């Protein structure tokens, strides 16, 4: 299973590609999509969309996982992140690829065991979980790898729940017929 994780942003969109091989997660790629502040917003979003499309076509992931918006004190920044998030989801939708969304707290909890983990702790855990020789950098790429890890590690549980759901829906009907 290959997962593309995204940490959206207009100036820097982090991406991380992980795969499950032999029961372990391995990093296939990671980095940032950088756009210049002085350029037109539409051109910046088009560049993000195009690069995410290239990553989707190159790695053919089973899913795309993207970090939810964090609404801090700066609503203008949150709006820009939402736009970047939208073009990322559009690229996945154009390819019929499932897109999952996780809050920053869910990602930190899945990777570090605490939703309050700091950026440095997330980077160190991503390094350990993926057996990387060096700390993943920049932090946007590390965050994107963490999003991909969060999704990949939850995939087995989600599949088991989906398999069990039809059986659970049939069980009450079978009991009432008896």
N, C-alpha and C. Protein backbone atom coordinates (compact mmCIF):
# COMPACT_ATOMS: atom_id res chain seq x y z
N UNK A 1 0.85 -1.18 0.00
CA UNK A 1 0.00 0.00 0.00
C UNK A 1 0.89 1.24 0.00
N UNK A 2 0.62 2.14 -0.92
CA UNK A 2 1.34 3.41 -1.03
C UNK A 2 0.37 4.53 -0.66
N UNK A 3 0.83 5.47 0.16
CA UNK A 3 0.02 6.62 0.59
C UNK A 3 0.81 7.89 0.33
N UNK A 4 0.13 8.89 -0.24
CA UNK A 4 0.70 10.22 -0.39
C UNK A 4 0.11 11.09 0.70
N UNK A 5 0.97 11.61 1.58
CA UNK A 5 0.54 12.52 2.64
C UNK A 5 0.85 13.94 2.25
N UNK A 6 -0.05 14.86 2.62
CA UNK A 6 0.11 16.27 2.26
C UNK A 6 -0.10 17.15 3.49
N UNK A 7 0.84 18.08 3.68
CA UNK A 7 0.72 19.16 4.66
C UNK A 7 0.52 20.43 3.83
N UNK A 8 -0.75 20.87 3.65
CA UNK A 8 -1.02 21.94 2.69
C UNK A 8 -0.58 23.33 3.16
N UNK A 9 -0.21 24.14 2.20
CA UNK A 9 0.13 25.53 2.43
C UNK A 9 0.35 26.19 1.08
N UNK A 10 0.14 27.49 1.02
CA UNK A 10 0.32 28.18 -0.25
C UNK A 10 1.79 28.42 -0.54
N UNK A 11 2.55 28.84 0.45
CA UNK A 11 3.99 29.07 0.24
C UNK A 11 4.75 27.75 0.19
N UNK A 12 4.42 26.83 1.10
CA UNK A 12 5.10 25.54 1.17
C UNK A 12 4.08 24.44 1.43
N UNK A 13 3.90 23.58 0.47
CA UNK A 13 3.07 22.39 0.65
C UNK A 13 4.01 21.22 0.81
N UNK A 14 3.94 20.59 1.98
CA UNK A 14 4.78 19.42 2.21
C UNK A 14 4.14 18.18 1.62
N UNK A 15 4.97 17.27 1.11
CA UNK A 15 4.47 16.00 0.62
C UNK A 15 5.37 14.88 1.12
N UNK A 16 4.76 13.73 1.34
CA UNK A 16 5.51 12.56 1.76
C UNK A 16 4.84 11.32 1.22
N UNK A 17 5.62 10.43 0.64
CA UNK A 17 5.10 9.19 0.07
C UNK A 17 5.67 8.04 0.89
N UNK A 18 4.78 7.21 1.44
CA UNK A 18 5.20 6.04 2.21
C UNK A 18 4.56 4.79 1.63
N UNK A 19 5.23 3.67 1.82
CA UNK A 19 4.71 2.38 1.36
C UNK A 19 4.91 1.36 2.48
N UNK A 20 4.00 0.41 2.54
CA UNK A 20 4.14 -0.70 3.49
C UNK A 20 4.82 -1.83 2.74
N UNK A 21 5.96 -2.24 3.26
CA UNK A 21 6.73 -3.34 2.65
C UNK A 21 7.16 -4.29 3.75
N UNK A 22 6.74 -5.52 3.64
CA UNK A 22 7.14 -6.53 4.62
C UNK A 22 6.76 -6.17 6.04
N UNK A 23 5.60 -5.57 6.22
CA UNK A 23 5.15 -5.21 7.56
C UNK A 23 5.74 -3.92 8.10
N UNK A 24 6.61 -3.26 7.34
CA UNK A 24 7.21 -1.99 7.77
C UNK A 24 6.83 -0.88 6.81
N UNK A 25 6.81 0.33 7.34
CA UNK A 25 6.61 1.49 6.48
C UNK A 25 7.96 2.02 6.04
N UNK A 26 8.06 2.38 4.76
CA UNK A 26 9.27 2.96 4.21
C UNK A 26 8.91 4.25 3.47
N UNK A 27 9.82 5.20 3.51
CA UNK A 27 9.63 6.46 2.79
C UNK A 27 10.10 6.29 1.36
N UNK A 28 9.25 6.67 0.42
CA UNK A 28 9.63 6.63 -0.99
C UNK A 28 10.07 8.00 -1.49
N UNK A 29 9.49 9.06 -0.90
CA UNK A 29 9.78 10.41 -1.34
C UNK A 29 9.26 11.38 -0.29
N UNK A 30 9.78 12.58 -0.31
CA UNK A 30 9.31 13.63 0.58
C UNK A 30 9.96 14.94 0.21
N UNK A 31 9.25 16.02 0.42
CA UNK A 31 9.80 17.34 0.09
C UNK A 31 8.73 18.40 0.21
N UNK A 32 8.98 19.52 -0.42
CA UNK A 32 8.01 20.62 -0.40
C UNK A 32 7.79 21.16 -1.80
N UNK A 33 6.59 21.64 -1.99
CA UNK A 33 6.24 22.36 -3.21
C UNK A 33 6.24 23.82 -2.80
N UNK A 34 7.19 24.58 -3.29
CA UNK A 34 7.33 25.98 -2.90
C UNK A 34 6.81 26.89 -4.00
N UNK A 35 6.06 27.93 -3.57
CA UNK A 35 5.59 28.93 -4.52
C UNK A 35 5.98 30.31 -3.98
N UNK A 36 6.30 31.21 -4.86
CA UNK A 36 6.78 32.54 -4.48
C UNK A 36 5.63 33.46 -4.08
N UNK A 37 5.83 34.17 -2.98
CA UNK A 37 4.79 35.05 -2.44
C UNK A 37 4.36 36.14 -3.42
N UNK A 38 5.25 36.60 -4.26
CA UNK A 38 4.92 37.69 -5.18
C UNK A 38 4.08 37.28 -6.37
N UNK A 39 3.89 35.99 -6.59
CA UNK A 39 3.13 35.53 -7.76
C UNK A 39 1.63 35.53 -7.50
N UNK A 40 0.89 35.54 -8.57
CA UNK A 40 -0.57 35.50 -8.52
C UNK A 40 -1.04 34.23 -7.79
N UNK A 41 -2.04 34.38 -6.95
CA UNK A 41 -2.55 33.25 -6.17
C UNK A 41 -3.00 32.11 -7.08
N UNK A 42 -3.66 32.42 -8.16
CA UNK A 42 -4.11 31.38 -9.08
C UNK A 42 -2.95 30.59 -9.66
N UNK A 43 -1.87 31.28 -10.00
CA UNK A 43 -0.69 30.61 -10.54
C UNK A 43 -0.04 29.73 -9.48
N UNK A 44 -0.03 30.20 -8.25
CA UNK A 44 0.56 29.41 -7.15
C UNK A 44 -0.25 28.13 -6.93
N UNK A 45 -1.57 28.27 -6.92
CA UNK A 45 -2.44 27.10 -6.72
C UNK A 45 -2.32 26.13 -7.89
N UNK A 46 -2.19 26.66 -9.10
CA UNK A 46 -2.02 25.80 -10.28
C UNK A 46 -0.71 25.01 -10.18
N UNK A 47 0.34 25.64 -9.67
CA UNK A 47 1.63 24.95 -9.52
C UNK A 47 1.51 23.82 -8.49
N UNK A 48 0.81 24.07 -7.39
CA UNK A 48 0.61 23.03 -6.37
C UNK A 48 -0.19 21.88 -6.96
N UNK A 49 -1.26 22.20 -7.65
CA UNK A 49 -2.12 21.18 -8.28
C UNK A 49 -1.32 20.34 -9.27
N UNK A 50 -0.52 20.99 -10.09
CA UNK A 50 0.25 20.27 -11.11
C UNK A 50 1.27 19.33 -10.46
N UNK A 51 1.98 19.80 -9.44
CA UNK A 51 3.00 18.96 -8.81
C UNK A 51 2.37 17.79 -8.06
N UNK A 52 1.25 18.02 -7.39
CA UNK A 52 0.56 16.91 -6.71
C UNK A 52 0.09 15.90 -7.75
N UNK A 53 -0.41 16.38 -8.88
CA UNK A 53 -0.79 15.48 -9.96
C UNK A 53 0.37 14.64 -10.45
N UNK A 54 1.55 15.25 -10.57
CA UNK A 54 2.74 14.50 -10.98
C UNK A 54 3.08 13.41 -9.95
N UNK A 55 2.99 13.75 -8.68
CA UNK A 55 3.28 12.77 -7.62
C UNK A 55 2.28 11.62 -7.65
N UNK A 56 1.00 11.95 -7.86
CA UNK A 56 -0.03 10.91 -7.92
C UNK A 56 0.20 9.99 -9.11
N UNK A 57 0.57 10.57 -10.24
CA UNK A 57 0.81 9.76 -11.44
C UNK A 57 2.08 8.91 -11.31
N UNK A 58 3.10 9.46 -10.66
CA UNK A 58 4.37 8.74 -10.53
C UNK A 58 4.28 7.58 -9.54
N UNK A 59 3.62 7.79 -8.40
CA UNK A 59 3.61 6.77 -7.34
C UNK A 59 2.35 5.93 -7.29
N UNK A 60 1.30 6.37 -7.97
CA UNK A 60 0.02 5.65 -8.00
C UNK A 60 -0.39 5.16 -6.61
N UNK A 61 -0.54 6.09 -5.66
CA UNK A 61 -0.90 5.68 -4.30
C UNK A 61 -2.32 5.11 -4.23
N UNK A 62 -2.55 4.32 -3.18
CA UNK A 62 -3.89 3.78 -2.92
C UNK A 62 -4.78 4.85 -2.31
N UNK A 63 -4.18 5.86 -1.69
CA UNK A 63 -4.94 6.93 -1.05
C UNK A 63 -4.08 8.17 -0.91
N UNK A 64 -4.77 9.29 -0.78
CA UNK A 64 -4.13 10.55 -0.46
C UNK A 64 -4.64 10.95 0.92
N UNK A 65 -3.75 11.35 1.80
CA UNK A 65 -4.13 11.80 3.14
C UNK A 65 -3.65 13.24 3.30
N UNK A 66 -4.54 14.10 3.76
CA UNK A 66 -4.22 15.52 3.87
C UNK A 66 -4.55 16.01 5.27
N UNK A 67 -3.72 16.92 5.76
CA UNK A 67 -3.96 17.47 7.09
C UNK A 67 -5.07 18.51 7.03
N UNK A 68 -5.95 18.47 8.03
CA UNK A 68 -7.04 19.45 8.15
C UNK A 68 -6.48 20.83 8.45
N UNK A 69 -7.33 21.81 8.24
CA UNK A 69 -6.97 23.18 8.57
C UNK A 69 -6.88 23.36 10.07
N UNK A 70 -5.92 24.15 10.48
CA UNK A 70 -5.82 24.57 11.88
C UNK A 70 -6.18 26.04 11.91
N UNK A 71 -7.27 26.37 12.59
CA UNK A 71 -7.69 27.76 12.68
C UNK A 71 -7.08 28.40 13.91
N UNK A 72 -5.95 29.04 13.71
CA UNK A 72 -5.30 29.78 14.79
C UNK A 72 -5.82 31.20 14.79
N UNK A 73 -4.98 32.11 15.16
CA UNK A 73 -5.37 33.52 15.23
C UNK A 73 -5.46 34.16 13.85
N UNK A 74 -4.82 33.58 12.84
CA UNK A 74 -4.74 34.21 11.53
C UNK A 74 -5.71 33.56 10.54
N UNK A 75 -6.89 34.15 10.40
CA UNK A 75 -7.91 33.62 9.49
C UNK A 75 -7.47 33.73 8.04
N UNK A 76 -6.72 34.77 7.70
CA UNK A 76 -6.24 34.95 6.32
C UNK A 76 -5.33 33.79 5.93
N UNK A 77 -4.45 33.39 6.83
CA UNK A 77 -3.56 32.27 6.58
C UNK A 77 -4.35 30.97 6.44
N UNK A 78 -5.36 30.78 7.28
CA UNK A 78 -6.19 29.57 7.22
C UNK A 78 -6.93 29.51 5.88
N UNK A 79 -7.37 30.65 5.37
CA UNK A 79 -8.06 30.68 4.09
C UNK A 79 -7.13 30.25 2.97
N UNK A 80 -5.89 30.73 3.00
CA UNK A 80 -4.90 30.36 1.97
C UNK A 80 -4.59 28.87 2.04
N UNK A 81 -4.45 28.33 3.26
CA UNK A 81 -4.20 26.90 3.42
C UNK A 81 -5.38 26.10 2.88
N UNK A 82 -6.59 26.60 3.12
CA UNK A 82 -7.79 25.93 2.60
C UNK A 82 -7.81 25.88 1.08
N UNK A 83 -7.32 26.93 0.44
CA UNK A 83 -7.25 26.94 -1.01
C UNK A 83 -6.26 25.89 -1.50
N UNK A 84 -5.10 25.82 -0.87
CA UNK A 84 -4.09 24.82 -1.25
C UNK A 84 -4.65 23.42 -1.02
N UNK A 85 -5.32 23.23 0.10
CA UNK A 85 -5.92 21.93 0.42
C UNK A 85 -6.95 21.55 -0.66
N UNK A 86 -7.69 22.53 -1.12
CA UNK A 86 -8.70 22.28 -2.15
C UNK A 86 -8.11 21.80 -3.46
N UNK A 87 -7.02 22.40 -3.91
CA UNK A 87 -6.43 21.97 -5.19
C UNK A 87 -5.76 20.60 -5.05
N UNK A 88 -5.27 20.28 -3.85
CA UNK A 88 -4.71 18.95 -3.61
C UNK A 88 -5.83 17.91 -3.71
N UNK A 89 -6.95 18.19 -3.06
CA UNK A 89 -8.08 17.25 -3.09
C UNK A 89 -8.66 17.14 -4.50
N UNK A 90 -8.63 18.23 -5.25
CA UNK A 90 -9.09 18.21 -6.65
C UNK A 90 -8.23 17.25 -7.47
N UNK A 91 -6.91 17.31 -7.30
CA UNK A 91 -6.02 16.41 -8.05
C UNK A 91 -6.36 14.95 -7.74
N UNK A 92 -6.63 14.65 -6.48
CA UNK A 92 -7.01 13.28 -6.11
C UNK A 92 -8.37 12.92 -6.71
N UNK A 93 -9.31 13.82 -6.61
CA UNK A 93 -10.66 13.58 -7.15
C UNK A 93 -10.66 13.36 -8.65
N UNK A 94 -9.82 14.07 -9.36
CA UNK A 94 -9.73 13.90 -10.81
C UNK A 94 -9.24 12.52 -11.20
N UNK A 95 -8.55 11.86 -10.28
CA UNK A 95 -8.03 10.52 -10.54
C UNK A 95 -8.85 9.43 -9.85
N UNK A 96 -9.96 9.83 -9.24
CA UNK A 96 -10.82 8.87 -8.55
C UNK A 96 -10.16 8.27 -7.33
N UNK A 97 -9.23 9.00 -6.74
CA UNK A 97 -8.46 8.50 -5.60
C UNK A 97 -9.12 8.91 -4.29
N UNK A 98 -9.28 7.96 -3.36
CA UNK A 98 -9.84 8.33 -2.06
C UNK A 98 -8.94 9.32 -1.33
N UNK A 99 -9.58 10.26 -0.66
CA UNK A 99 -8.85 11.31 0.06
C UNK A 99 -9.32 11.32 1.50
N UNK A 100 -8.40 11.09 2.42
CA UNK A 100 -8.71 11.11 3.85
C UNK A 100 -8.16 12.38 4.47
N UNK A 101 -8.79 12.82 5.54
CA UNK A 101 -8.41 14.06 6.19
C UNK A 101 -8.21 13.81 7.68
N UNK A 102 -7.14 14.38 8.22
CA UNK A 102 -6.81 14.19 9.63
C UNK A 102 -6.47 15.52 10.28
N UNK A 103 -6.91 15.70 11.51
CA UNK A 103 -6.55 16.91 12.26
C UNK A 103 -5.08 16.81 12.67
N UNK A 104 -4.46 17.94 12.93
CA UNK A 104 -3.07 17.89 13.41
C UNK A 104 -2.94 17.04 14.69
N UNK A 105 -3.94 17.09 15.56
CA UNK A 105 -3.90 16.30 16.79
C UNK A 105 -3.97 14.81 16.50
N UNK A 106 -4.79 14.40 15.53
CA UNK A 106 -4.87 12.99 15.15
C UNK A 106 -3.52 12.50 14.62
N UNK A 107 -2.89 13.31 13.80
CA UNK A 107 -1.60 12.93 13.20
C UNK A 107 -0.54 12.79 14.29
N UNK A 108 -0.45 13.79 15.16
CA UNK A 108 0.54 13.75 16.24
C UNK A 108 0.29 12.56 17.17
N UNK A 109 -0.96 12.30 17.46
CA UNK A 109 -1.29 11.16 18.33
C UNK A 109 -0.91 9.84 17.67
N UNK A 110 -1.17 9.72 16.36
CA UNK A 110 -0.87 8.48 15.64
C UNK A 110 0.63 8.23 15.55
N UNK A 111 1.41 9.29 15.44
CA UNK A 111 2.85 9.16 15.25
C UNK A 111 3.61 9.18 16.57
N UNK A 112 3.17 10.03 17.49
CA UNK A 112 3.93 10.23 18.73
C UNK A 112 3.23 9.70 19.98
N UNK A 113 1.94 9.39 19.86
CA UNK A 113 1.21 8.94 21.04
C UNK A 113 0.60 10.07 21.83
N UNK A 114 0.81 11.31 21.39
CA UNK A 114 0.25 12.48 22.06
C UNK A 114 -0.14 13.52 21.02
N UNK A 115 -1.35 14.02 21.12
CA UNK A 115 -1.82 15.06 20.20
C UNK A 115 -1.20 16.41 20.46
N UNK A 116 -0.39 16.52 21.52
CA UNK A 116 0.26 17.78 21.88
C UNK A 116 1.76 17.77 21.57
N UNK A 117 2.22 16.78 20.81
CA UNK A 117 3.64 16.66 20.49
C UNK A 117 4.12 17.87 19.69
N UNK A 118 5.35 18.26 19.92
CA UNK A 118 5.95 19.38 19.20
C UNK A 118 6.50 18.95 17.86
N UNK A 119 6.86 19.93 17.03
CA UNK A 119 7.38 19.63 15.69
C UNK A 119 8.64 18.77 15.75
N UNK A 120 9.54 19.07 16.67
CA UNK A 120 10.77 18.29 16.79
C UNK A 120 10.50 16.84 17.15
N UNK A 121 9.53 16.63 18.04
CA UNK A 121 9.18 15.27 18.43
C UNK A 121 8.57 14.51 17.24
N UNK A 122 7.74 15.19 16.46
CA UNK A 122 7.15 14.56 15.27
C UNK A 122 8.27 14.18 14.30
N UNK A 123 9.21 15.08 14.07
CA UNK A 123 10.32 14.78 13.15
C UNK A 123 11.12 13.56 13.63
N UNK A 124 11.42 13.49 14.93
CA UNK A 124 12.20 12.36 15.45
C UNK A 124 11.43 11.04 15.33
N UNK A 125 10.13 11.07 15.59
CA UNK A 125 9.33 9.84 15.49
C UNK A 125 9.18 9.40 14.04
N UNK A 126 9.01 10.34 13.13
CA UNK A 126 8.94 10.00 11.71
C UNK A 126 10.26 9.35 11.29
N UNK A 127 11.36 9.92 11.74
CA UNK A 127 12.68 9.35 11.43
C UNK A 127 12.76 7.91 11.92
N UNK A 128 12.32 7.65 13.15
CA UNK A 128 12.39 6.29 13.72
C UNK A 128 11.43 5.34 13.02
N UNK A 129 10.19 5.79 12.82
CA UNK A 129 9.18 4.91 12.22
C UNK A 129 9.53 4.50 10.79
N UNK A 130 10.20 5.39 10.08
CA UNK A 130 10.57 5.10 8.69
C UNK A 130 12.02 4.67 8.54
N UNK A 131 12.72 4.53 9.67
CA UNK A 131 14.14 4.12 9.68
C UNK A 131 14.99 4.99 8.76
N UNK A 132 14.81 6.30 8.88
CA UNK A 132 15.57 7.25 8.06
C UNK A 132 16.92 7.52 8.70
N UNK A 133 17.94 7.66 7.89
CA UNK A 133 19.29 7.92 8.39
C UNK A 133 19.39 9.30 9.03
N UNK A 134 18.61 10.25 8.50
CA UNK A 134 18.64 11.62 9.01
C UNK A 134 17.24 12.09 9.36
N UNK A 135 17.18 13.13 10.16
CA UNK A 135 15.91 13.75 10.52
C UNK A 135 15.25 14.28 9.25
N UNK A 136 13.97 13.97 9.03
CA UNK A 136 13.32 14.48 7.81
C UNK A 136 13.19 16.00 7.86
N UNK A 137 13.54 16.63 6.78
CA UNK A 137 13.49 18.09 6.70
C UNK A 137 13.12 18.49 5.29
N UNK A 138 12.55 19.64 5.10
CA UNK A 138 12.11 20.59 6.11
C UNK A 138 10.90 20.07 6.89
N UNK A 139 10.45 20.83 7.88
CA UNK A 139 9.38 20.35 8.74
C UNK A 139 8.07 20.11 8.01
N UNK A 140 7.82 20.81 6.91
CA UNK A 140 6.60 20.56 6.13
C UNK A 140 6.63 19.16 5.52
N UNK A 141 7.79 18.73 5.07
CA UNK A 141 7.93 17.37 4.53
C UNK A 141 7.77 16.34 5.64
N UNK A 142 8.35 16.61 6.81
CA UNK A 142 8.20 15.70 7.95
C UNK A 142 6.73 15.59 8.35
N UNK A 143 6.03 16.71 8.36
CA UNK A 143 4.60 16.68 8.71
C UNK A 143 3.80 15.88 7.69
N UNK A 144 4.14 16.02 6.41
CA UNK A 144 3.44 15.27 5.36
C UNK A 144 3.71 13.77 5.49
N UNK A 145 4.94 13.40 5.81
CA UNK A 145 5.25 11.99 6.05
C UNK A 145 4.45 11.47 7.25
N UNK A 146 4.29 12.31 8.28
CA UNK A 146 3.51 11.93 9.46
C UNK A 146 2.04 11.70 9.09
N UNK A 147 1.50 12.54 8.21
CA UNK A 147 0.12 12.37 7.75
C UNK A 147 -0.02 11.04 7.01
N UNK A 148 0.95 10.73 6.16
CA UNK A 148 0.92 9.46 5.42
C UNK A 148 1.02 8.27 6.37
N UNK A 149 1.89 8.37 7.38
CA UNK A 149 2.03 7.30 8.38
C UNK A 149 0.71 7.11 9.13
N UNK A 150 0.09 8.20 9.52
CA UNK A 150 -1.20 8.16 10.22
C UNK A 150 -2.22 7.38 9.41
N UNK A 151 -2.30 7.67 8.13
CA UNK A 151 -3.28 7.00 7.28
C UNK A 151 -2.91 5.53 7.06
N UNK A 152 -1.65 5.28 6.76
CA UNK A 152 -1.21 3.91 6.47
C UNK A 152 -1.41 3.00 7.68
N UNK A 153 -1.10 3.50 8.87
CA UNK A 153 -1.24 2.67 10.07
C UNK A 153 -2.70 2.44 10.45
N UNK A 154 -3.58 3.31 10.03
CA UNK A 154 -5.00 3.12 10.32
C UNK A 154 -5.74 2.34 9.25
N UNK A 155 -5.07 2.05 8.13
CA UNK A 155 -5.73 1.39 7.00
C UNK A 155 -6.22 -0.01 7.36
N UNK A 156 -5.42 -0.78 8.08
CA UNK A 156 -5.82 -2.15 8.44
C UNK A 156 -7.06 -2.13 9.33
N UNK A 157 -7.11 -1.22 10.28
CA UNK A 157 -8.27 -1.12 11.16
C UNK A 157 -9.51 -0.71 10.37
N UNK A 158 -9.36 0.28 9.48
CA UNK A 158 -10.52 0.72 8.67
C UNK A 158 -11.02 -0.42 7.80
N UNK A 159 -10.14 -1.20 7.21
CA UNK A 159 -10.54 -2.33 6.37
C UNK A 159 -11.29 -3.38 7.19
N UNK A 160 -10.83 -3.66 8.40
CA UNK A 160 -11.50 -4.64 9.26
C UNK A 160 -12.90 -4.16 9.65
N UNK A 161 -13.02 -2.88 9.95
CA UNK A 161 -14.34 -2.31 10.29
C UNK A 161 -15.28 -2.39 9.10
N UNK A 162 -14.77 -2.08 7.91
CA UNK A 162 -15.60 -2.14 6.70
C UNK A 162 -16.06 -3.57 6.42
N UNK A 163 -15.17 -4.55 6.63
CA UNK A 163 -15.54 -5.95 6.42
C UNK A 163 -16.59 -6.40 7.45
N UNK A 164 -16.48 -5.90 8.66
CA UNK A 164 -17.39 -6.30 9.73
C UNK A 164 -18.75 -5.60 9.61
N UNK A 165 -18.80 -4.46 9.02
CA UNK A 165 -20.04 -3.68 8.94
C UNK A 165 -21.17 -4.43 8.24
N UNK A 166 -20.97 -5.05 7.09
CA UNK A 166 -22.08 -5.78 6.46
C UNK A 166 -22.58 -6.93 7.34
N UNK A 167 -21.68 -7.63 7.99
CA UNK A 167 -22.07 -8.73 8.87
C UNK A 167 -22.88 -8.21 10.05
N UNK A 168 -22.50 -7.06 10.57
CA UNK A 168 -23.23 -6.48 11.71
C UNK A 168 -24.63 -6.04 11.28
N UNK A 169 -24.76 -5.55 10.04
CA UNK A 169 -26.09 -5.13 9.56
C UNK A 169 -26.99 -6.34 9.31
N UNK A 170 -26.40 -7.47 8.89
CA UNK A 170 -27.18 -8.67 8.63
C UNK A 170 -27.60 -9.36 9.93
N UNK A 171 -26.80 -9.27 10.95
CA UNK A 171 -27.06 -10.00 12.20
C UNK A 171 -28.41 -9.69 12.83
N UNK A 172 -28.84 -8.45 12.96
CA UNK A 172 -30.16 -8.20 13.57
C UNK A 172 -31.30 -8.81 12.74
N UNK A 173 -31.18 -8.78 11.42
CA UNK A 173 -32.23 -9.39 10.59
C UNK A 173 -32.28 -10.89 10.77
N UNK A 174 -31.12 -11.51 10.90
CA UNK A 174 -31.06 -12.95 11.10
C UNK A 174 -31.65 -13.34 12.45
N UNK A 175 -31.42 -12.52 13.48
CA UNK A 175 -31.96 -12.80 14.82
C UNK A 175 -33.47 -12.65 14.83
N UNK A 176 -34.01 -11.65 14.15
CA UNK A 176 -35.47 -11.42 14.18
C UNK A 176 -36.21 -12.50 13.38
N UNK A 177 -35.53 -13.12 12.42
CA UNK A 177 -36.18 -14.18 11.62
C UNK A 177 -36.26 -15.48 12.41
N UNK A 178 -35.44 -15.62 13.43
CA UNK A 178 -35.39 -16.87 14.22
C UNK A 178 -36.49 -16.99 15.19
